[in-house]
Protein backbone atom coordinates (compact mmCIF):
# COMPACT_ATOMS: atom_id res chain seq x y z
CA MET A 1 -13.84 4.48 13.76
CA ASN A 2 -15.12 1.95 16.27
CA GLU A 3 -13.30 3.80 19.03
CA LEU A 4 -14.88 7.09 17.91
CA ILE A 5 -18.38 5.59 17.98
CA LEU A 6 -17.86 4.28 21.51
CA ASP A 7 -15.96 7.29 22.86
CA ARG A 8 -18.71 9.35 24.51
CA LYS A 9 -16.29 11.97 25.88
CA ARG A 10 -14.74 12.56 22.49
CA PHE A 11 -17.99 13.23 20.65
CA LEU A 12 -19.39 15.30 23.52
CA LYS A 13 -16.27 17.45 23.33
CA GLY A 14 -16.85 18.00 19.61
CA LEU A 15 -20.52 18.78 20.25
CA VAL A 16 -19.70 21.35 22.93
CA ILE A 17 -17.05 23.05 20.75
CA SER A 18 -19.44 23.24 17.79
CA ILE A 19 -22.30 24.65 19.90
CA ILE A 20 -20.12 27.15 21.80
CA ILE A 21 -18.59 28.58 18.61
CA GLY A 22 -22.03 28.87 17.03
CA ILE A 23 -23.64 30.44 20.09
CA ILE A 24 -20.84 32.99 20.54
CA THR A 25 -21.00 34.01 16.87
CA THR A 26 -24.80 34.25 16.95
CA ILE A 27 -24.75 36.33 20.15
CA ILE A 28 -22.23 38.72 18.57
CA ILE A 29 -24.41 39.08 15.44
CA ILE A 30 -27.55 39.61 17.56
CA PHE A 31 -25.73 42.12 19.77
CA ILE A 32 -24.55 44.11 16.74
CA THR A 33 -27.92 44.08 14.97
CA THR A 34 -30.41 44.38 17.85
CA ASN A 35 -32.16 47.67 18.54
CA GLN A 36 -35.57 48.80 19.81
CA ASN A 37 -37.21 47.77 16.51
CA THR A 38 -36.11 44.17 17.18
CA TRP A 39 -38.26 43.92 20.30
CA ILE A 40 -41.22 45.53 18.55
CA SER A 41 -40.94 43.02 15.67
CA LEU A 42 -40.78 40.03 18.02
CA SER A 43 -44.45 40.44 18.98
CA SER A 44 -45.55 40.15 15.33
CA ILE A 45 -43.59 37.00 14.43
CA ASN A 46 -45.84 34.34 12.87
CA LYS A 47 -44.99 31.19 14.83
CA LYS A 48 -46.86 29.03 12.32
CA TYR A 49 -44.04 29.43 9.80
CA LEU A 50 -41.43 28.55 12.42
CA PHE A 51 -43.34 25.37 13.25
CA LEU A 52 -43.57 24.49 9.55
CA ALA A 53 -39.80 24.96 9.27
CA PHE A 54 -39.27 22.31 11.97
CA ILE A 55 -41.70 19.99 10.19
CA LEU A 56 -39.72 20.48 6.99
CA MET A 57 -36.51 19.36 8.73
CA VAL A 58 -38.21 16.17 9.94
CA PHE A 59 -39.49 15.58 6.40
CA ALA A 60 -35.97 16.20 5.04
CA ALA A 61 -34.58 13.54 7.41
CA VAL A 62 -37.17 11.03 6.16
CA ILE A 63 -36.26 11.82 2.54
CA ASN A 64 -32.56 11.43 3.31
CA ALA A 65 -33.20 8.05 4.92
CA LEU A 66 -35.06 6.96 1.77
CA ARG A 67 -32.12 8.22 -0.30
CA ILE A 68 -29.69 6.15 1.78
CA LYS A 69 -31.94 3.08 1.53
CA MET A 70 -32.26 3.42 -2.25
CA THR A 71 -28.50 3.90 -2.73
CA VAL A 72 -27.76 0.82 -0.62
CA GLU A 73 -30.22 -1.21 -2.69
CA ALA A 74 -28.51 0.05 -5.85
CA VAL A 75 -25.44 -2.07 -4.90
CA ASN A 76 -27.65 -5.13 -4.21
CA GLU A 77 -27.63 -4.76 -0.42
CA ASN A 78 -30.45 -4.27 2.08
CA ILE A 79 -31.05 -1.80 4.87
CA THR A 80 -34.22 -1.03 6.80
CA PHE A 81 -35.72 2.45 6.86
CA THR A 82 -35.02 2.71 10.61
CA GLU A 83 -31.36 1.79 10.07
CA ALA A 84 -31.09 4.30 7.22
CA LEU A 85 -32.54 7.01 9.45
CA LYS A 86 -30.02 6.09 12.14
CA VAL A 87 -27.18 6.32 9.61
CA TYR A 88 -28.39 9.76 8.54
CA TYR A 89 -28.60 11.22 12.05
CA ILE A 90 -25.35 9.71 13.36
CA SER A 91 -23.28 10.58 10.29
CA ASN A 92 -24.83 14.04 10.19
CA PHE A 93 -23.81 14.47 13.82
CA ALA A 94 -20.27 13.22 13.14
CA GLY A 95 -19.93 15.73 10.32
CA GLY A 96 -21.35 18.50 12.50
CA ILE A 97 -18.65 18.13 15.16
CA THR A 98 -15.64 17.79 12.82
CA PRO A 99 -13.83 20.37 10.65
CA PHE A 100 -14.88 20.43 6.98
CA PHE A 101 -17.64 17.90 7.90
CA SER A 102 -14.87 15.30 7.60
CA GLY A 103 -16.51 12.86 10.02
CA THR A 104 -19.54 12.17 7.81
CA LEU A 105 -17.96 9.80 5.28
CA PRO A 106 -15.95 7.52 7.64
CA THR A 107 -18.93 7.28 10.00
CA GLN A 108 -21.22 6.14 7.19
CA ILE A 109 -18.65 3.60 6.01
CA TYR A 110 -18.33 2.23 9.56
CA LEU A 111 -22.10 1.97 10.06
CA PHE A 112 -22.65 0.25 6.70
CA ASN A 113 -19.74 -2.14 7.28
CA LYS A 114 -20.16 -2.92 10.98
CA ASP A 115 -23.44 -1.78 12.47
CA ILE A 116 -26.44 -2.61 10.28
CA LYS A 117 -28.19 -5.98 10.27
CA ASN A 118 -27.08 -6.91 6.74
CA LYS A 119 -23.46 -5.82 7.03
CA MET A 120 -21.86 -4.70 3.77
CA THR A 121 -18.33 -5.35 2.56
CA LEU A 122 -15.91 -2.46 3.00
CA GLY A 123 -15.82 -1.87 -0.76
CA LYS A 124 -19.60 -1.60 -1.05
CA ALA A 125 -19.85 0.47 2.13
CA THR A 126 -17.29 2.88 0.68
CA MET A 127 -19.13 2.95 -2.63
CA VAL A 128 -22.46 3.86 -1.04
CA ALA A 129 -20.89 6.47 1.24
CA THR A 130 -19.06 8.16 -1.65
CA ILE A 131 -21.78 7.97 -4.30
CA MET A 132 -24.24 10.02 -2.21
CA PRO A 133 -22.11 13.20 -2.01
CA LEU A 134 -21.21 12.71 -5.67
CA ILE A 135 -24.92 12.63 -6.59
CA LYS A 136 -25.32 15.83 -4.58
CA THR A 137 -22.43 17.38 -6.54
CA LEU A 138 -24.03 16.20 -9.78
CA VAL A 139 -27.39 17.75 -8.80
CA PHE A 140 -25.75 21.05 -7.87
CA THR A 141 -23.67 20.97 -11.05
CA ILE A 142 -26.77 20.60 -13.22
CA PHE A 143 -29.03 23.02 -11.38
CA THR A 144 -26.54 25.75 -10.43
CA PRO A 145 -25.89 26.89 -14.03
CA ILE A 146 -29.65 26.77 -14.71
CA ILE A 147 -30.36 28.90 -11.63
CA PHE A 148 -27.51 31.22 -12.56
CA PHE A 149 -28.72 31.82 -16.12
CA VAL A 150 -32.40 32.09 -15.17
CA PHE A 151 -31.64 34.70 -12.49
CA LYS A 152 -28.49 36.15 -14.07
CA ARG A 153 -29.88 39.68 -14.35
CA THR A 154 -31.17 39.58 -10.79
CA ILE A 155 -27.79 38.43 -9.44
CA THR A 156 -25.76 40.90 -11.49
CA ASN A 157 -27.92 43.84 -10.49
CA TYR A 158 -27.92 42.75 -6.90
CA THR A 159 -24.26 42.25 -6.09
CA ILE A 160 -21.08 41.58 -8.02
CA LEU A 161 -19.88 39.35 -5.16
CA SER A 162 -22.77 36.94 -5.75
CA THR A 163 -21.81 36.63 -9.41
CA ILE A 164 -18.20 35.84 -8.54
CA LEU A 165 -19.16 33.32 -5.87
CA ILE A 166 -21.71 31.47 -7.96
CA ASN A 167 -19.34 31.29 -10.95
CA GLY A 168 -16.70 29.91 -8.61
CA ALA A 169 -19.23 27.38 -7.31
CA ILE A 170 -20.00 26.25 -10.86
CA LEU A 171 -16.31 25.78 -11.64
CA ILE A 172 -15.75 23.77 -8.45
CA SER A 173 -18.76 21.55 -9.15
CA LEU A 174 -17.63 20.94 -12.73
CA PHE A 175 -14.17 20.01 -11.45
CA PHE A 176 -15.60 17.42 -9.04
CA LEU A 177 -17.87 16.08 -11.74
CA PHE A 178 -14.84 15.71 -14.02
CA LEU A 179 -13.04 13.71 -11.31
CA PHE A 180 -16.17 11.59 -10.85
CA PHE A 181 -16.32 10.57 -14.52
CA LEU A 182 -12.55 10.13 -14.65
CA ALA A 183 -12.66 7.69 -11.72
CA ILE A 184 -15.47 5.72 -13.42
CA LYS A 185 -14.28 5.69 -17.01
CA TYR A 186 -10.50 5.92 -16.71
CA PRO A 187 -9.41 4.90 -13.20
CA GLU A 188 -5.85 4.24 -14.36
CA LYS A 189 -5.52 7.84 -15.58
CA MET A 190 -6.87 9.09 -12.28
CA ILE A 191 -4.30 6.99 -10.42
CA LYS A 192 -1.46 8.35 -12.62
CA ILE A 193 -2.54 11.91 -11.82
CA ILE A 194 -2.56 11.12 -8.08
CA LEU A 195 0.91 9.54 -8.29
CA LYS A 196 2.23 12.65 -10.04
CA ILE A 197 0.68 14.90 -7.38
CA GLN A 198 2.19 12.66 -4.70
CA ASN A 199 5.68 13.39 -6.04
CA PHE A 200 5.30 17.16 -5.99
CA PRO A 201 8.03 18.53 -3.63
CA TYR A 202 5.78 21.05 -1.91
CA ILE A 203 3.19 18.38 -0.96
CA LEU A 204 5.51 17.11 1.78
CA LYS A 205 5.52 20.55 3.39
CA PHE A 206 1.93 20.01 4.53
CA SER A 207 2.51 16.73 6.37
CA LYS A 208 4.97 13.92 7.07
CA LYS A 209 6.03 11.72 4.16
CA ASP A 210 4.58 8.51 5.66
CA THR A 211 1.26 10.22 6.40
CA MET A 212 1.00 11.56 2.86
CA LEU A 213 1.87 8.16 1.37
CA ARG A 214 -0.83 6.46 3.43
CA LEU A 215 -3.33 9.12 2.35
CA PHE A 216 -2.53 8.79 -1.36
CA ASN A 217 -2.51 4.97 -1.19
CA LYS A 218 -5.93 5.08 0.46
CA VAL A 219 -7.25 7.36 -2.30
CA ILE A 220 -5.89 5.02 -4.98
CA LEU A 221 -7.47 2.01 -3.26
CA GLU A 222 -10.81 3.80 -3.05
CA ILE A 223 -10.69 4.62 -6.78
CA LYS A 224 -10.12 0.94 -7.61
CA GLU A 225 -12.94 -0.17 -5.31
CA TYR A 226 -15.19 2.52 -6.70
CA HIS A 227 -14.54 1.41 -10.27
CA LYS A 228 -15.29 -2.24 -9.40
CA SER A 229 -18.54 -1.41 -7.64
CA PHE A 230 -19.79 0.92 -10.33
CA SER A 231 -20.90 -2.01 -12.50
CA LEU A 232 -23.56 -2.74 -9.86
CA LEU A 233 -24.82 0.83 -10.10
CA LYS A 234 -25.15 0.50 -13.88
CA GLU A 235 -27.30 -2.61 -13.41
CA ASN A 236 -29.55 -0.79 -10.90
CA TRP A 237 -29.67 2.59 -12.60
CA ILE A 238 -33.39 3.03 -11.83
CA LYS A 239 -32.71 2.88 -8.08
CA LEU A 240 -29.83 5.29 -8.58
CA LEU A 241 -32.24 7.57 -10.43
CA PHE A 242 -34.61 7.44 -7.44
CA SER A 243 -31.67 8.24 -5.16
CA THR A 244 -30.99 11.31 -7.31
CA LEU A 245 -34.67 12.28 -7.12
CA TYR A 246 -34.58 12.00 -3.31
CA THR A 247 -31.44 14.17 -3.33
CA ILE A 248 -33.28 16.87 -5.31
CA ILE A 249 -36.28 16.70 -2.95
CA PHE A 250 -34.01 16.88 0.10
CA TRP A 251 -32.18 19.99 -1.05
CA GLY A 252 -35.39 21.56 -2.29
CA THR A 253 -36.87 21.03 1.17
CA LEU A 254 -33.79 22.49 2.85
CA PHE A 255 -33.93 25.56 0.60
CA LEU A 256 -37.53 26.24 1.71
CA VAL A 257 -36.60 26.75 5.37
CA ALA A 258 -35.13 30.26 4.89
CA PRO A 259 -38.16 31.57 2.92
CA LEU A 260 -40.50 30.17 5.58
CA LEU A 261 -38.57 32.01 8.30
CA LEU A 262 -38.60 35.22 6.27
CA TRP A 263 -42.38 34.93 5.96
CA GLY A 264 -42.55 34.22 9.67
CA PHE A 265 -40.60 37.41 10.35
CA ASN A 266 -43.04 39.29 8.06
CA LEU A 267 -40.29 40.31 5.65
CA ASN A 268 -40.79 41.03 1.97
CA PHE A 269 -38.22 39.35 -0.26
CA ASN A 270 -37.50 38.16 -3.76
CA PHE A 271 -37.62 34.34 -3.81
CA SER A 272 -34.92 34.16 -6.50
CA HIS A 273 -32.55 36.17 -4.25
CA VAL A 274 -33.08 33.74 -1.37
CA LEU A 275 -32.59 30.73 -3.65
CA VAL A 276 -29.38 32.07 -5.18
CA MET A 277 -27.92 33.09 -1.82
CA GLN A 278 -28.52 29.58 -0.43
CA VAL A 279 -26.91 27.94 -3.46
CA ILE A 280 -23.83 30.07 -2.87
CA PHE A 281 -23.86 29.38 0.86
CA TYR A 282 -24.19 25.59 0.60
CA PHE A 283 -21.40 25.44 -1.99
CA ILE A 284 -19.08 27.31 0.37
CA LEU A 285 -20.16 25.53 3.59
CA PRO A 286 -18.08 22.31 3.16
CA PHE A 287 -14.91 24.43 2.91
CA MET A 288 -15.47 26.10 6.29
CA PRO A 289 -12.76 24.76 8.67
CA THR A 290 -14.64 24.92 11.99
CA PRO A 291 -16.62 21.91 13.33
CA GLY A 292 -19.80 21.75 11.26
CA GLY A 293 -18.97 25.20 9.92
CA SER A 294 -19.98 26.69 13.28
CA GLY A 295 -19.24 30.38 13.56
CA THR A 296 -18.25 30.80 9.93
CA ALA A 297 -21.66 29.48 8.81
CA GLU A 298 -23.55 32.00 10.93
CA ALA A 299 -21.28 34.85 9.86
CA GLY A 300 -21.42 33.82 6.19
CA PHE A 301 -25.20 33.47 6.17
CA ALA A 302 -25.59 36.83 7.91
CA SER A 303 -23.28 38.44 5.35
CA LEU A 304 -25.19 37.02 2.37
CA PHE A 305 -28.65 37.80 3.75
CA SER A 306 -27.76 41.25 5.06
CA PHE A 307 -28.54 42.57 1.57
CA PHE A 308 -32.29 42.13 2.02
CA VAL A 309 -33.00 41.24 5.69
CA SER A 310 -33.61 44.26 7.92
CA LEU A 311 -30.63 44.89 10.20
CA HIS A 312 -32.69 44.76 13.38
CA LEU A 313 -33.95 41.25 12.48
CA LEU A 314 -30.76 39.85 10.93
CA GLY A 315 -29.35 38.34 14.11
CA LEU A 316 -32.62 36.70 15.12
CA PHE A 317 -33.19 35.41 11.60
CA VAL A 318 -29.70 33.87 11.34
CA GLY A 319 -29.88 32.37 14.86
CA THR A 320 -33.31 30.82 14.23
CA TRP A 321 -32.32 29.49 10.81
CA ARG A 322 -29.10 27.94 12.09
CA PHE A 323 -30.83 26.28 15.03
CA ILE A 324 -33.50 24.72 12.81
CA VAL A 325 -31.29 23.50 9.95
CA PHE A 326 -28.22 22.52 11.99
CA TYR A 327 -28.46 22.34 15.80
CA PHE A 328 -31.90 20.71 15.79
CA ASN A 329 -30.55 17.76 13.77
CA LEU A 330 -27.29 17.82 15.75
CA CYS A 331 -29.19 17.34 19.01
CA ILE A 332 -31.26 14.48 17.56
CA GLY A 333 -28.05 12.92 16.22
CA ALA A 334 -26.44 13.16 19.66
CA ILE A 335 -29.40 11.36 21.25
CA VAL A 336 -29.40 8.64 18.57
CA LEU A 337 -25.65 8.15 18.99
CA LEU A 338 -25.92 7.93 22.78
CA VAL A 339 -28.54 5.21 22.40
CA GLU A 340 -26.30 3.46 19.86
CA ILE A 341 -23.28 3.65 22.19
CA LYS A 342 -25.34 2.12 25.00
CA ARG A 343 -26.50 -0.68 22.68
CA LEU A 344 -22.98 -1.41 21.41
CA LYS A 345 -21.50 -1.49 24.91
CA LYS A 346 -24.27 -3.80 26.10
CA ARG A 347 -23.58 -6.11 23.13
CA ARG A 348 -19.86 -6.09 23.96
CA ASN A 349 -20.55 -6.93 27.60
CA ASP A 350 -22.90 -9.76 26.57
CA ASP A 351 -20.22 -11.13 24.20
CA ASP A 352 -17.63 -10.98 26.99
CA ASP A 353 -19.99 -12.83 29.35
CA ASP A 354 -20.57 -15.53 26.72
CA LYS A 355 -16.81 -16.02 26.35
CA LYS A 356 -16.47 -16.55 30.09
């Protein structure tokens, strides 16, 4: 992970790939959907709503930094707000340039363990990095069924596909929640399940035996560390509750960006439709194999919103939304990481000079 943080060429390559895939997909969508009505509509766009959308993303970053700070304090460690904000932007960037957002978790663990002023042990760093996505899963698991049942008639009348997708999302979230409680309450049972899975003959078809063994051993170790650290979370449950509250505020803020853009494009829409479509989208997003979901995210969002966004504005709407919620933060993350790389290299050079 240290090499990844310091390897400017490697992360720039990931950034370029992510942006190119996204731009190409967006251009294709715009090309397919643009007509003379698009240019007429451009003159009537309310820029105030677009500006508010950018402000919301800055606010969301602040909330996420507070969530990170509160989660760190829940395991009796300390982190400044500035450091938490740095962790958010850098880990968000790492996830945005890797398939399945796989770079987010190891980057957070590295930063907690190596880069902040009050360095955390690897076990605690892992605990903090894993509890945050689990809280997100818990929030989605609680609110998704509520949203589904409140707007069930709307969804069913609107599209059968939405019903299938949101039911699938509920099942996936319940499965992850089950694993979460299993790892906390009965870690030994969780380990037995993993060992049984490890011995399945077809598992070895996906990778080399040594690689799979290392992967499963790492998972088992993480479960043990997670179980040990959870006692700290029980002692600081109020801070964990605040972390959950910040998670709800963060996702609520993120879900407001699309409605703001729709208002900015002077489109009439049903707020429940927009809410439900975003719940579906953000459940599916982590399973998109391209770096940061680039390409597939744009295409998926366009597909879901094509039901109620005018065709001639669909490409512009999707491109604007994706830039604000993804590429805007990605660019900030790249700048923060470049500054961090410069600082780390300077520290290394200073350490080398001291040794001489």
